[in-house]
Amino acid sequence: RVLVLAWSEWKVLGAAFLCLVVAATGETAGPYVTGKVLDAIRNGDGLAAGAIGMVVAAEAASVLFSGCRGWLFLLAAAHLRQTLRLQLFSHLVHQDLDFFQGVPAAELSARFSTEVPLVSMAVPRGTNLLLRSLGMALVVGTAMVRLAPGLALLALLELPLGITARRIHSARRQALQQSMLEASARTASGVQESVAAIETIRIFSAEEEEEERHRQDLDKELRLKERMELELAGFTLIQRLLRLAIRVLVLFQSHQQLREGSITPGVLVTFLLYRDTVGSHVQVLLFGFNEFMTNVAAGQKIWEYLDQEPTRDMSGTLKPSKLRGDVTFQRVSFTYPGNPERPVLKDVSFELRSGEVTALAGHNGSGKSTTVALLERLRDPGSGKVLLDGIPLLEYENQYLHRQVVLVEQDPVLFSGTIRENIVLGLEHCEESELQEAATAAGAMEFIQGLEHGWDTEVGEHGGRLAAGERCRLALARAMLRRPTVLILDEALDDGDEGAARRWVRTGLARTVLVVSHRPRVLDAADRLVVLEHGAVAEAGTPAELRERRGAYSRLLQ
């Protein structure tokens, strides 16, 4: 899968590989020409300008094309990193809500910041180091065999011994690396959770407990890191002792062959230069292969995320030019996957009529939020149907549906950026007059104009630079700008705003409005009321009718 990812950059990688071949050729030619020059001097032939030029040319080619090779491989890695991040993000934003409830946001962030760069570097760095070193080891090893077969076999004995030791260490390091990444993700998740809940921590004086939890997470990371480094130190010691032993044997044998006259000093110098070259490239092969496998293994969770497909049916294609806005809940039942034995909604049926404001009331846990989630199609019913103009929601095209059915929550989410960017969010073309009309309808125009930078004011992370009421006004303006067929207001209206929903319907900013609220004045201002109790419809009718019945609605107001 890493190779498939890398294929998108085949042109850059191909150019880098060409530079690699030229650089390796220059690096190989250098020792050979140096040996020939030494033998010429020893034989009294003198130092020819051509020979010196050949040495300089070989080294210059090696340096120049090595630099180009490195730059091209880094460029490919940067492109692959961007591609993989985009693929992963695009895939994640289409996942079901249950996926995000099971995976902490900090863990996903850690995957982007830590593991994506490792996977992206796998092929460029692997090609740069492994192919170069493999090619150099083969070519230079062949040259060594031709120069001095006996010495070459002795020197190359390091290769099988080193590979055996490396394979043992590589398997251990990959397992530890995966554990290290998991531990780092848990630590990052803990930090993000603590920062997000800092007010709660302060209220309950839980600073010391949070410090202790973070210290334990860091200790786990440290123990894994110490274990990795200790094993690496032990392996490095074994490798160096092995190299030292083989070097001593090679020097002893070469001394014997010099005395016998079977090799010349120039040949010996070339051989020793080649031996050092092969030795360094063998080390790169051993360490580089381990790094390559570790980087590839780091992407295990990334591939799992990319393989996970949403379970919801997203095949709807309907995009009618106009909707009336009639909504019907038809014997709807729902249970959350984490608690399948406890139904949240049980055989719920009611209607939202076009041109009316319907209020949904009930105690906490009665099923109001789940009803809203089903209407917004954040979730699908376990049984029954939710219909818009008589058609099940799943038959509508997903983006079209979410532009027709718009939700404003009590604590709306704003993104880092300007006021204008937050209101226009998701809309490609928007006239300034439409923007101002929406802001005026939402009661946001006055405070926006009072800001120094107006529409271009930065709201900060999660809208932290604005007051809670101001954030809610911007969220209402964002909804009004879309002129939704169905507008859902989940605890988004305060006392004094109870007439706003009817005004928006009358002016055409919304056709159908569902208000979820616990405020009596807001509920009484609705055209119709639906009261939920324990996940079922307890009663429905106009506010006046329900007050006269003295049933569930009256109990709710007490």
Protein backbone atom coordinates (compact mmCIF):
# COMPACT_ATOMS: atom_id res chain seq x y z
CA ARG A 1 0.00 0.00 0.00
CA VAL A 2 2.93 2.31 0.62
CA LEU A 3 4.21 1.56 -2.88
CA VAL A 4 0.78 2.28 -4.38
CA LEU A 5 0.77 5.60 -2.53
CA ALA A 6 4.27 6.40 -3.81
CA TRP A 7 3.35 5.64 -7.45
CA SER A 8 1.59 9.01 -7.67
CA GLU A 9 5.06 10.64 -7.48
CA TRP A 10 6.74 8.31 -9.98
CA LYS A 11 8.14 11.16 -12.07
CA VAL A 12 9.95 12.80 -9.14
CA LEU A 13 11.10 9.45 -7.78
CA GLY A 14 12.30 8.42 -11.27
CA ALA A 15 14.39 11.58 -11.64
CA ALA A 16 15.79 11.05 -8.13
CA PHE A 17 16.71 7.46 -9.01
CA LEU A 18 18.53 8.63 -12.16
CA CYS A 19 20.57 11.08 -10.07
CA LEU A 20 21.24 8.24 -7.62
CA VAL A 21 22.71 6.04 -10.39
CA VAL A 22 25.00 8.82 -11.67
CA ALA A 23 26.15 9.70 -8.14
CA ALA A 24 26.84 6.05 -7.32
CA THR A 25 28.85 5.65 -10.52
CA GLY A 26 31.05 8.61 -9.55
CA GLU A 27 31.45 7.28 -6.02
CA THR A 28 32.50 3.86 -7.34
CA ALA A 29 34.96 5.25 -9.87
CA GLY A 30 36.82 7.39 -7.29
CA PRO A 31 38.69 4.60 -5.40
CA TYR A 32 39.50 2.75 -8.65
CA VAL A 33 41.11 5.81 -10.25
CA THR A 34 42.95 6.58 -6.99
CA GLY A 35 44.50 3.09 -6.96
CA LYS A 36 45.62 3.41 -10.58
CA VAL A 37 47.26 6.79 -9.79
CA LEU A 38 49.16 5.29 -6.84
CA ASP A 39 50.45 2.38 -8.92
CA ALA A 40 51.55 4.80 -11.67
CA ILE A 41 53.52 6.88 -9.12
CA ARG A 42 55.09 3.73 -7.64
CA ASN A 43 56.20 2.57 -11.08
CA GLY A 44 57.74 5.97 -11.78
CA ASP A 45 55.26 6.96 -14.47
CA GLY A 46 54.60 10.34 -12.79
CA LEU A 47 51.36 12.08 -11.91
CA ALA A 48 49.39 12.73 -15.11
CA ALA A 49 47.00 15.66 -15.34
CA GLY A 50 44.46 13.34 -16.97
CA ALA A 51 44.52 11.00 -13.97
CA ILE A 52 43.98 13.88 -11.55
CA GLY A 53 41.16 15.16 -13.75
CA MET A 54 39.50 11.76 -13.67
CA VAL A 55 39.62 11.69 -9.84
CA VAL A 56 38.19 15.22 -9.64
CA ALA A 57 35.48 14.47 -12.22
CA ALA A 58 34.40 11.30 -10.41
CA GLU A 59 34.18 13.05 -7.06
CA ALA A 60 32.44 16.13 -8.52
CA ALA A 61 29.80 13.97 -10.24
CA SER A 62 29.23 12.10 -7.00
CA VAL A 63 28.77 15.31 -4.97
CA LEU A 64 26.60 17.14 -7.52
CA PHE A 65 24.18 14.33 -8.27
CA SER A 66 24.04 13.25 -4.62
CA GLY A 67 22.71 16.71 -3.76
CA CYS A 68 20.13 16.56 -6.55
CA ARG A 69 19.14 13.07 -5.47
CA GLY A 70 18.58 14.15 -1.87
CA TRP A 71 16.51 17.19 -2.86
CA LEU A 72 14.27 15.20 -5.20
CA PHE A 73 13.61 12.50 -2.60
CA LEU A 74 12.71 15.15 0.00
CA LEU A 75 10.39 16.80 -2.53
CA ALA A 76 8.66 13.46 -3.19
CA ALA A 77 8.28 12.88 0.57
CA ALA A 78 6.65 16.31 1.01
CA HIS A 79 4.18 15.60 -1.82
CA LEU A 80 3.35 12.15 -0.43
CA ARG A 81 2.84 13.57 3.06
CA GLN A 82 0.32 16.09 1.72
CA THR A 83 -1.45 13.42 -0.37
CA LEU A 84 -1.77 10.98 2.53
CA ARG A 85 -2.97 13.65 4.95
CA LEU A 86 -5.63 14.75 2.46
CA GLN A 87 -6.73 11.15 1.81
CA LEU A 88 -6.97 10.40 5.52
CA PHE A 89 -8.82 13.62 6.38
CA SER A 90 -11.25 13.24 3.45
CA HIS A 91 -12.01 9.68 4.56
CA LEU A 92 -12.45 10.55 8.24
CA VAL A 93 -14.92 13.41 7.74
CA HIS A 94 -17.35 10.98 6.09
CA GLN A 95 -17.27 8.42 8.91
CA ASP A 96 -20.25 7.70 11.16
CA LEU A 97 -20.55 9.55 14.45
CA ASP A 98 -19.99 6.28 16.32
CA PHE A 99 -16.47 6.16 14.89
CA PHE A 100 -15.55 9.52 16.44
CA GLN A 101 -17.11 8.59 19.76
CA GLY A 102 -14.86 5.54 19.89
CA VAL A 103 -11.64 7.29 18.83
CA PRO A 104 -10.36 10.31 20.82
CA ALA A 105 -9.72 13.44 18.78
CA ALA A 106 -6.19 13.69 20.18
CA GLU A 107 -5.41 10.20 18.91
CA LEU A 108 -6.48 11.16 15.39
CA SER A 109 -4.40 14.33 15.68
CA ALA A 110 -1.39 12.24 16.73
CA ARG A 111 -1.81 10.03 13.65
CA PHE A 112 -1.66 13.13 11.44
CA SER A 113 1.32 14.71 13.19
CA THR A 114 3.41 11.59 13.91
CA GLU A 115 2.52 8.62 11.76
CA VAL A 116 1.65 10.26 8.43
CA PRO A 117 5.17 11.80 8.13
CA LEU A 118 6.77 8.42 8.95
CA VAL A 119 4.75 6.56 6.32
CA SER A 120 5.32 9.33 3.76
CA MET A 121 9.09 9.07 4.24
CA ALA A 122 9.15 5.29 3.88
CA VAL A 123 9.44 5.02 0.08
CA PRO A 124 11.52 8.16 -0.69
CA ARG A 125 13.96 7.47 2.12
CA GLY A 126 13.91 3.73 1.48
CA THR A 127 14.66 4.24 -2.21
CA ASN A 128 17.31 6.83 -1.45
CA LEU A 129 19.16 4.75 1.11
CA LEU A 130 18.33 1.12 0.40
CA LEU A 131 18.56 1.05 -3.41
CA ARG A 132 21.66 3.23 -3.42
CA SER A 133 23.36 1.13 -0.78
CA LEU A 134 22.26 -2.14 -2.35
CA GLY A 135 23.55 -1.09 -5.76
CA MET A 136 26.81 0.22 -4.34
CA ALA A 137 27.32 -2.92 -2.25
CA LEU A 138 26.78 -5.18 -5.28
CA VAL A 139 28.94 -3.19 -7.70
CA VAL A 140 31.76 -2.50 -5.26
CA GLY A 141 31.57 -6.04 -3.90
CA THR A 142 32.01 -7.40 -7.44
CA ALA A 143 34.99 -5.09 -7.95
CA MET A 144 36.55 -6.36 -4.71
CA VAL A 145 36.18 -9.97 -5.83
CA ARG A 146 37.91 -9.17 -9.11
CA LEU A 147 40.76 -7.33 -7.36
CA ALA A 148 41.45 -9.90 -4.60
CA PRO A 149 39.05 -12.86 -4.38
CA GLY A 150 40.41 -14.27 -1.10
CA LEU A 151 40.31 -10.94 0.71
CA ALA A 152 36.87 -10.17 -0.72
CA LEU A 153 35.29 -13.37 0.61
CA LEU A 154 36.76 -12.68 4.03
CA ALA A 155 35.62 -9.03 4.06
CA LEU A 156 32.13 -9.85 2.80
CA LEU A 157 31.62 -12.36 5.60
CA GLU A 158 30.24 -9.40 7.55
CA LEU A 159 27.14 -9.32 5.33
CA PRO A 160 25.31 -12.57 6.29
CA LEU A 161 26.27 -12.22 9.95
CA GLY A 162 25.02 -8.61 10.04
CA ILE A 163 21.74 -9.46 8.27
CA THR A 164 20.99 -12.25 10.75
CA ALA A 165 21.58 -9.97 13.73
CA ARG A 166 19.57 -7.16 12.14
CA ARG A 167 16.53 -9.34 11.46
CA ILE A 168 16.37 -10.33 15.10
CA HIS A 169 16.64 -6.72 16.24
CA SER A 170 14.23 -5.43 13.57
CA ALA A 171 11.36 -7.64 14.70
CA ARG A 172 11.82 -6.45 18.28
CA ARG A 173 12.05 -2.79 17.33
CA GLN A 174 8.91 -2.82 15.19
CA ALA A 175 6.85 -4.19 18.08
CA LEU A 176 8.27 -1.60 20.48
CA GLN A 177 7.77 1.21 17.95
CA GLN A 178 4.07 0.35 17.60
CA SER A 179 3.67 0.33 21.39
CA MET A 180 5.50 3.66 21.54
CA LEU A 181 3.14 5.25 19.00
CA GLU A 182 0.10 4.00 20.91
CA ALA A 183 1.49 5.39 24.17
CA SER A 184 2.21 8.76 22.54
CA ALA A 185 -1.34 8.92 21.18
CA ARG A 186 -2.77 8.20 24.65
CA THR A 187 -0.60 10.91 26.19
CA ALA A 188 -1.69 13.45 23.57
CA SER A 189 -5.32 12.46 24.11
CA GLY A 190 -4.97 13.02 27.87
CA VAL A 191 -3.44 16.47 27.37
CA GLN A 192 -6.18 17.57 24.98
CA GLU A 193 -8.89 16.25 27.28
CA SER A 194 -7.43 18.08 30.29
CA VAL A 195 -7.07 21.36 28.40
CA ALA A 196 -10.64 21.13 27.08
CA ALA A 197 -11.95 20.49 30.60
CA ILE A 198 -9.72 22.96 32.43
CA GLU A 199 -12.70 24.77 34.00
CA THR A 200 -14.06 21.52 35.43
CA ILE A 201 -10.61 20.60 36.73
CA ARG A 202 -10.32 23.99 38.42
CA ILE A 203 -13.81 23.80 39.92
CA PHE A 204 -13.15 20.42 41.53
CA SER A 205 -9.49 21.15 42.43
CA ALA A 206 -8.37 18.15 40.38
CA GLU A 207 -5.06 19.64 39.21
CA GLU A 208 -2.95 17.18 41.19
CA GLU A 209 -4.91 14.17 39.91
CA GLU A 210 -4.46 15.36 36.32
CA GLU A 211 -0.74 15.92 36.92
CA GLU A 212 -0.41 12.39 38.31
CA ARG A 213 -2.28 10.90 35.35
CA HIS A 214 -0.07 12.76 32.91
CA ARG A 215 3.06 11.72 34.81
CA GLN A 216 2.00 8.06 34.55
CA ASP A 217 1.43 8.41 30.80
CA LEU A 218 4.87 10.00 30.38
CA ASP A 219 6.47 7.26 32.50
CA LYS A 220 5.03 4.61 30.20
CA GLU A 221 6.46 6.41 27.18
CA LEU A 222 9.83 6.79 28.89
CA ARG A 223 10.03 3.10 29.81
CA LEU A 224 9.31 2.07 26.23
CA LYS A 225 11.88 4.58 24.91
CA GLU A 226 14.54 3.37 27.36
CA ARG A 227 13.86 -0.21 26.32
CA MET A 228 14.18 0.67 22.64
CA GLU A 229 17.44 2.57 23.17
CA LEU A 230 18.92 -0.17 25.38
CA GLU A 231 18.26 -2.84 22.78
CA LEU A 232 19.67 -0.56 20.06
CA ALA A 233 22.84 0.00 22.12
CA GLY A 234 23.29 -3.74 22.60
CA PHE A 235 22.81 -4.43 18.91
CA THR A 236 25.23 -1.63 17.93
CA LEU A 237 27.87 -3.08 20.25
CA ILE A 238 27.54 -6.52 18.66
CA GLN A 239 27.74 -5.01 15.17
CA ARG A 240 30.90 -3.05 15.93
CA LEU A 241 32.65 -6.00 17.54
CA LEU A 242 31.81 -8.07 14.47
CA ARG A 243 33.19 -5.38 12.13
CA LEU A 244 36.34 -5.01 14.19
CA ALA A 245 37.03 -8.76 14.12
CA ILE A 246 36.61 -8.95 10.33
CA ARG A 247 38.76 -5.84 9.80
CA VAL A 248 41.62 -7.41 11.81
CA LEU A 249 41.37 -10.60 9.76
CA VAL A 250 41.40 -8.64 6.48
CA LEU A 251 44.46 -6.59 7.48
CA PHE A 252 46.32 -9.72 8.55
CA GLN A 253 45.54 -11.53 5.29
CA SER A 254 46.39 -8.50 3.12
CA HIS A 255 49.77 -8.19 4.84
CA GLN A 256 50.50 -11.78 3.91
CA GLN A 257 49.53 -11.24 0.27
CA LEU A 258 51.67 -8.08 0.00
CA ARG A 259 54.70 -10.02 1.24
CA GLU A 260 53.98 -12.76 -1.30
CA GLY A 261 53.58 -10.17 -4.10
CA SER A 262 50.15 -11.42 -5.15
CA ILE A 263 48.75 -7.86 -4.90
CA THR A 264 50.27 -4.41 -5.41
CA PRO A 265 50.02 -1.48 -2.95
CA GLY A 266 47.69 0.32 -5.39
CA VAL A 267 45.40 -2.69 -5.53
CA LEU A 268 45.46 -2.92 -1.72
CA VAL A 269 44.58 0.79 -1.33
CA THR A 270 41.72 0.42 -3.84
CA PHE A 271 40.54 -2.72 -2.06
CA LEU A 272 40.61 -1.09 1.38
CA LEU A 273 38.73 1.96 0.09
CA TYR A 274 36.19 -0.35 -1.48
CA ARG A 275 35.96 -2.37 1.75
CA ASP A 276 35.18 0.77 3.75
CA THR A 277 32.61 1.76 1.12
CA VAL A 278 30.94 -1.66 1.21
CA GLY A 279 31.05 -1.64 5.01
CA SER A 280 29.29 1.72 5.25
CA HIS A 281 26.67 0.70 2.69
CA VAL A 282 26.04 -2.62 4.42
CA GLN A 283 25.41 -0.68 7.64
CA VAL A 284 23.03 1.63 5.79
CA LEU A 285 21.25 -1.43 4.37
CA LEU A 286 20.88 -3.00 7.78
CA PHE A 287 19.81 0.15 9.62
CA GLY A 288 17.88 1.53 6.64
CA PHE A 289 15.84 -1.65 6.14
CA ASN A 290 14.90 -1.63 9.81
CA GLU A 291 13.89 2.04 9.56
CA PHE A 292 11.90 1.35 6.39
CA MET A 293 9.97 -1.50 8.01
CA THR A 294 9.40 0.56 11.17
CA ASN A 295 8.02 3.48 9.13
CA VAL A 296 5.77 1.17 7.16
CA ALA A 297 4.55 -0.48 10.36
CA ALA A 298 3.75 2.97 11.78
CA GLY A 299 0.99 3.24 9.19
CA GLN A 300 -0.97 0.26 10.49
CA LYS A 301 -3.64 2.43 12.13
CA ILE A 302 -3.74 4.76 9.12
CA TRP A 303 -4.57 1.86 6.79
CA GLU A 304 -7.21 0.65 9.28
CA TYR A 305 -8.84 4.09 9.20
CA LEU A 306 -8.71 4.22 5.39
CA ASP A 307 -10.25 0.72 5.18
CA GLN A 308 -13.14 1.59 7.48
CA GLU A 309 -16.25 2.43 5.50
CA PRO A 310 -19.31 4.26 6.85
CA THR A 311 -22.13 1.84 7.67
CA ARG A 312 -24.89 4.32 6.83
CA ASP A 313 -26.58 4.25 3.44
CA MET A 314 -25.31 7.33 1.55
CA SER A 315 -26.63 6.33 -1.87
CA GLY A 316 -29.47 8.87 -1.98
CA THR A 317 -29.65 10.99 -5.12
CA LEU A 318 -32.85 13.08 -4.86
CA LYS A 319 -32.32 16.85 -5.14
CA PRO A 320 -35.76 18.39 -5.88
CA SER A 321 -35.77 22.05 -6.84
CA LYS A 322 -38.30 22.89 -4.14
CA LEU A 323 -39.54 21.31 -0.90
CA ARG A 324 -42.71 22.03 1.07
CA GLY A 325 -41.12 21.17 4.42
CA ASP A 326 -43.60 18.61 5.81
CA VAL A 327 -41.81 16.20 8.17
CA THR A 328 -43.25 12.91 9.45
CA PHE A 329 -41.85 10.61 12.10
CA GLN A 330 -43.46 7.28 11.31
CA ARG A 331 -43.27 4.73 14.16
CA VAL A 332 -39.60 5.46 14.76
CA SER A 333 -37.55 3.47 17.28
CA PHE A 334 -33.85 3.84 18.02
CA THR A 335 -31.17 2.35 20.27
CA TYR A 336 -27.52 3.37 20.53
CA PRO A 337 -24.97 0.70 19.56
CA GLY A 338 -23.27 0.91 22.96
CA ASN A 339 -26.50 0.08 24.82
CA PRO A 340 -28.75 -1.99 22.52
CA GLU A 341 -30.96 -3.25 25.36
CA ARG A 342 -32.19 0.25 26.27
CA PRO A 343 -34.25 1.87 23.50
CA VAL A 344 -34.02 5.67 23.44
CA LEU A 345 -37.06 6.16 21.18
CA LYS A 346 -40.01 3.77 21.12
CA ASP A 347 -42.56 3.82 18.30
CA VAL A 348 -42.46 7.63 17.98
CA SER A 349 -44.89 9.25 15.52
CA PHE A 350 -45.61 12.94 14.99
CA GLU A 351 -45.62 15.59 12.24
CA LEU A 352 -43.99 18.95 11.56
CA ARG A 353 -46.17 21.00 9.25
CA SER A 354 -44.92 23.49 6.71
CA GLY A 355 -45.44 27.09 7.74
CA GLU A 356 -45.66 26.19 11.44
CA VAL A 357 -43.40 26.30 14.48
CA THR A 358 -43.47 23.01 16.38
CA ALA A 359 -41.92 22.74 19.84
CA LEU A 360 -40.44 19.51 21.20
CA ALA A 361 -40.48 19.28 24.99
CA GLY A 362 -39.54 16.73 27.61
CA HIS A 363 -37.33 16.04 30.59
CA ASN A 364 -33.62 15.27 30.15
CA GLY A 365 -33.24 11.77 28.73
CA SER A 366 -36.68 11.73 27.13
CA GLY A 367 -35.21 11.42 23.61
CA LYS A 368 -35.27 15.02 22.35
CA SER A 369 -31.60 15.11 21.24
CA THR A 370 -31.92 11.73 19.52
CA THR A 371 -35.02 12.94 17.67
CA VAL A 372 -33.08 15.96 16.44
CA ALA A 373 -30.16 13.74 15.35
CA LEU A 374 -32.53 11.54 13.33
CA LEU A 375 -34.17 14.54 11.64
CA GLU A 376 -30.76 16.01 10.81
CA ARG A 377 -29.81 12.50 9.62
CA LEU A 378 -26.77 12.35 11.85
CA ARG A 379 -28.14 8.90 12.67
CA ASP A 380 -30.66 6.55 11.05
CA PRO A 381 -33.69 4.95 12.78
CA GLY A 382 -33.46 1.37 13.96
CA SER A 383 -37.03 0.90 12.75
CA GLY A 384 -39.65 3.15 11.25
CA LYS A 385 -39.05 6.10 8.92
CA VAL A 386 -38.39 9.82 9.00
CA LEU A 387 -40.03 11.41 5.94
CA LEU A 388 -39.51 14.81 4.33
CA ASP A 389 -42.39 15.64 1.97
CA GLY A 390 -43.36 11.96 2.15
CA ILE A 391 -39.94 10.67 1.07
CA PRO A 392 -37.51 8.88 3.46
CA LEU A 393 -34.51 11.05 4.33
CA LEU A 394 -32.02 8.42 3.10
CA GLU A 395 -33.29 8.87 -0.49
CA TYR A 396 -32.11 12.51 -0.58
CA GLU A 397 -28.57 13.37 -1.65
CA ASN A 398 -26.54 13.90 1.54
CA GLN A 399 -25.19 17.42 0.98
CA TYR A 400 -28.51 18.59 -0.43
CA LEU A 401 -30.36 17.29 2.64
CA HIS A 402 -28.03 19.06 5.07
CA ARG A 403 -28.58 22.35 3.28
CA GLN A 404 -32.33 21.90 3.53
CA VAL A 405 -32.43 20.69 7.15
CA VAL A 406 -30.27 22.96 9.32
CA LEU A 407 -29.55 22.63 13.04
CA VAL A 408 -28.60 25.42 15.47
CA GLU A 409 -27.44 24.11 18.85
CA GLN A 410 -27.37 25.73 22.27
CA ASP A 411 -23.56 25.73 22.28
CA PRO A 412 -22.73 26.12 18.57
CA VAL A 413 -19.35 25.31 17.11
CA LEU A 414 -17.40 28.11 15.47
CA PHE A 415 -14.14 27.61 13.62
CA SER A 416 -10.94 29.63 13.75
CA GLY A 417 -11.35 32.36 11.19
CA THR A 418 -13.38 35.51 10.66
CA ILE A 419 -17.04 36.17 11.38
CA ARG A 420 -17.72 36.25 7.64
CA GLU A 421 -16.03 32.87 7.08
CA ASN A 422 -18.02 31.25 9.89
CA ILE A 423 -21.38 32.49 8.62
CA VAL A 424 -20.69 31.61 4.97
CA LEU A 425 -19.32 28.17 5.96
CA GLY A 426 -20.03 25.61 3.24
CA LEU A 427 -21.59 28.04 0.73
CA GLU A 428 -19.67 28.71 -2.47
CA HIS A 429 -21.45 31.89 -3.61
CA CYS A 430 -23.11 34.39 -1.32
CA GLU A 431 -24.22 37.96 -1.98
CA GLU A 432 -23.36 40.66 0.56
CA SER A 433 -27.02 41.63 0.82
CA GLU A 434 -27.97 38.04 1.72
CA LEU A 435 -25.28 37.97 4.36
CA GLN A 436 -26.51 41.19 5.96
CA GLU A 437 -30.16 40.04 5.82
CA ALA A 438 -29.28 36.80 7.65
CA ALA A 439 -27.24 38.63 10.29
CA THR A 440 -30.06 41.13 10.84
CA ALA A 441 -32.67 38.38 11.19
CA ALA A 442 -30.47 36.59 13.73
CA GLY A 443 -29.93 39.76 15.77
CA ALA A 444 -26.19 39.69 15.06
CA MET A 445 -25.84 42.78 12.88
CA GLU A 446 -25.59 45.28 15.73
CA PHE A 447 -22.73 43.60 17.58
CA ILE A 448 -20.86 42.81 14.33
CA GLN A 449 -20.92 46.47 13.29
CA GLY A 450 -19.72 47.43 16.76
CA LEU A 451 -16.51 45.41 16.38
CA GLU A 452 -13.36 47.18 15.21
CA HIS A 453 -12.86 44.87 12.21
CA GLY A 454 -16.53 44.10 11.66
CA TRP A 455 -17.10 41.08 9.41
CA ASP A 456 -13.35 40.40 9.30
CA THR A 457 -13.00 40.01 13.09
CA GLU A 458 -11.15 36.82 14.06
CA VAL A 459 -13.34 34.73 16.39
CA GLY A 460 -10.47 32.61 17.80
CA GLU A 461 -10.40 28.87 18.42
CA HIS A 462 -13.98 27.58 18.92
CA GLY A 463 -15.11 31.22 18.86
CA GLY A 464 -13.38 31.83 22.19
CA ARG A 465 -13.02 35.60 21.58
CA LEU A 466 -16.80 36.03 21.51
CA ALA A 467 -19.39 35.81 24.26
CA ALA A 468 -21.70 32.78 24.35
CA GLY A 469 -24.66 34.86 23.17
CA GLU A 470 -22.67 36.29 20.28
CA ARG A 471 -21.63 32.81 19.18
CA CYS A 472 -25.27 31.74 19.19
CA ARG A 473 -26.27 34.78 17.09
CA LEU A 474 -23.62 33.91 14.49
CA ALA A 475 -24.85 30.32 14.37
CA LEU A 476 -28.40 31.56 13.80
CA ALA A 477 -27.15 33.87 11.02
CA ARG A 478 -25.31 30.90 9.46
CA ALA A 479 -28.59 28.99 9.42
CA MET A 480 -30.68 31.92 8.13
CA LEU A 481 -28.27 32.46 5.23
CA ARG A 482 -29.16 29.03 3.89
CA ARG A 483 -32.92 29.72 3.97
CA PRO A 484 -33.53 26.14 5.13
CA THR A 485 -36.66 24.17 4.44
CA VAL A 486 -36.53 22.81 8.01
CA LEU A 487 -34.85 24.81 10.76
CA ILE A 488 -34.07 23.03 14.05
CA LEU A 489 -33.41 25.21 17.10
CA ASP A 490 -32.02 23.06 19.92
CA GLU A 491 -32.16 25.28 23.05
CA ALA A 492 -31.05 28.17 20.79
CA LEU A 493 -33.83 30.63 21.77
CA ASP A 494 -33.87 32.63 24.99
CA ASP A 495 -36.79 34.31 26.70
CA GLY A 496 -37.49 37.40 24.63
CA ASP A 497 -36.70 35.53 21.38
CA GLU A 498 -39.87 33.41 21.48
CA GLY A 499 -41.43 35.29 18.55
CA ALA A 500 -38.35 35.00 16.33
CA ALA A 501 -39.18 31.56 14.91
CA ARG A 502 -42.62 32.63 13.70
CA ARG A 503 -41.10 35.78 12.21
CA TRP A 504 -38.55 33.73 10.25
CA VAL A 505 -41.32 31.50 8.86
CA ARG A 506 -43.44 34.52 7.94
CA THR A 507 -40.55 36.26 6.11
CA GLY A 508 -39.55 33.09 4.24
CA LEU A 509 -36.19 32.55 5.92
CA ALA A 510 -37.43 29.07 6.94
CA ARG A 511 -40.50 27.02 5.96
CA THR A 512 -40.77 24.67 8.94
CA VAL A 513 -39.28 25.21 12.40
CA LEU A 514 -38.71 22.67 15.17
CA VAL A 515 -37.90 24.29 18.52
CA VAL A 516 -36.40 22.19 21.31
CA SER A 517 -36.63 24.07 24.58
CA HIS A 518 -37.39 23.88 28.30
CA ARG A 519 -38.47 27.54 28.55
CA PRO A 520 -42.26 27.91 29.05
CA ARG A 521 -42.45 31.20 27.10
CA VAL A 522 -40.69 29.65 24.10
CA LEU A 523 -42.89 26.54 24.22
CA ASP A 524 -46.12 28.54 24.54
CA ALA A 525 -45.15 30.63 21.48
CA ALA A 526 -45.15 27.53 19.23
CA ASP A 527 -48.07 26.59 16.96
CA ARG A 528 -47.97 22.98 18.11
CA LEU A 529 -46.28 21.01 20.90
CA VAL A 530 -44.96 17.44 21.05
CA VAL A 531 -44.11 16.15 24.55
CA LEU A 532 -41.78 13.16 24.97
CA GLU A 533 -41.63 10.96 28.03
CA HIS A 534 -39.24 8.02 28.34
CA GLY A 535 -38.65 7.91 24.57
CA ALA A 536 -42.33 7.94 23.56
CA VAL A 537 -44.82 10.65 22.55
CA ALA A 538 -46.84 11.41 25.67
CA GLU A 539 -49.11 14.01 24.06
CA ALA A 540 -49.29 16.46 21.17
CA GLY A 541 -51.42 19.48 20.32
CA THR A 542 -51.46 23.24 20.67
CA PRO A 543 -49.99 24.72 23.86
CA ALA A 544 -53.46 25.84 25.00
CA GLU A 545 -54.92 22.33 24.45
CA LEU A 546 -52.13 20.66 26.38
CA ARG A 547 -52.49 23.05 29.31
CA GLU A 548 -56.21 22.26 29.50
CA ARG A 549 -55.53 18.52 29.56
CA ARG A 550 -53.29 18.88 32.62
CA GLY A 551 -51.22 15.92 31.45
CA ALA A 552 -47.56 15.46 30.57
CA TYR A 553 -47.06 19.09 29.49
CA SER A 554 -48.49 20.44 32.73
CA ARG A 555 -46.30 18.08 34.74
CA LEU A 556 -43.29 19.27 32.76
CA LEU A 557 -43.99 22.92 33.61
CA GLN A 558 -44.31 22.27 37.33
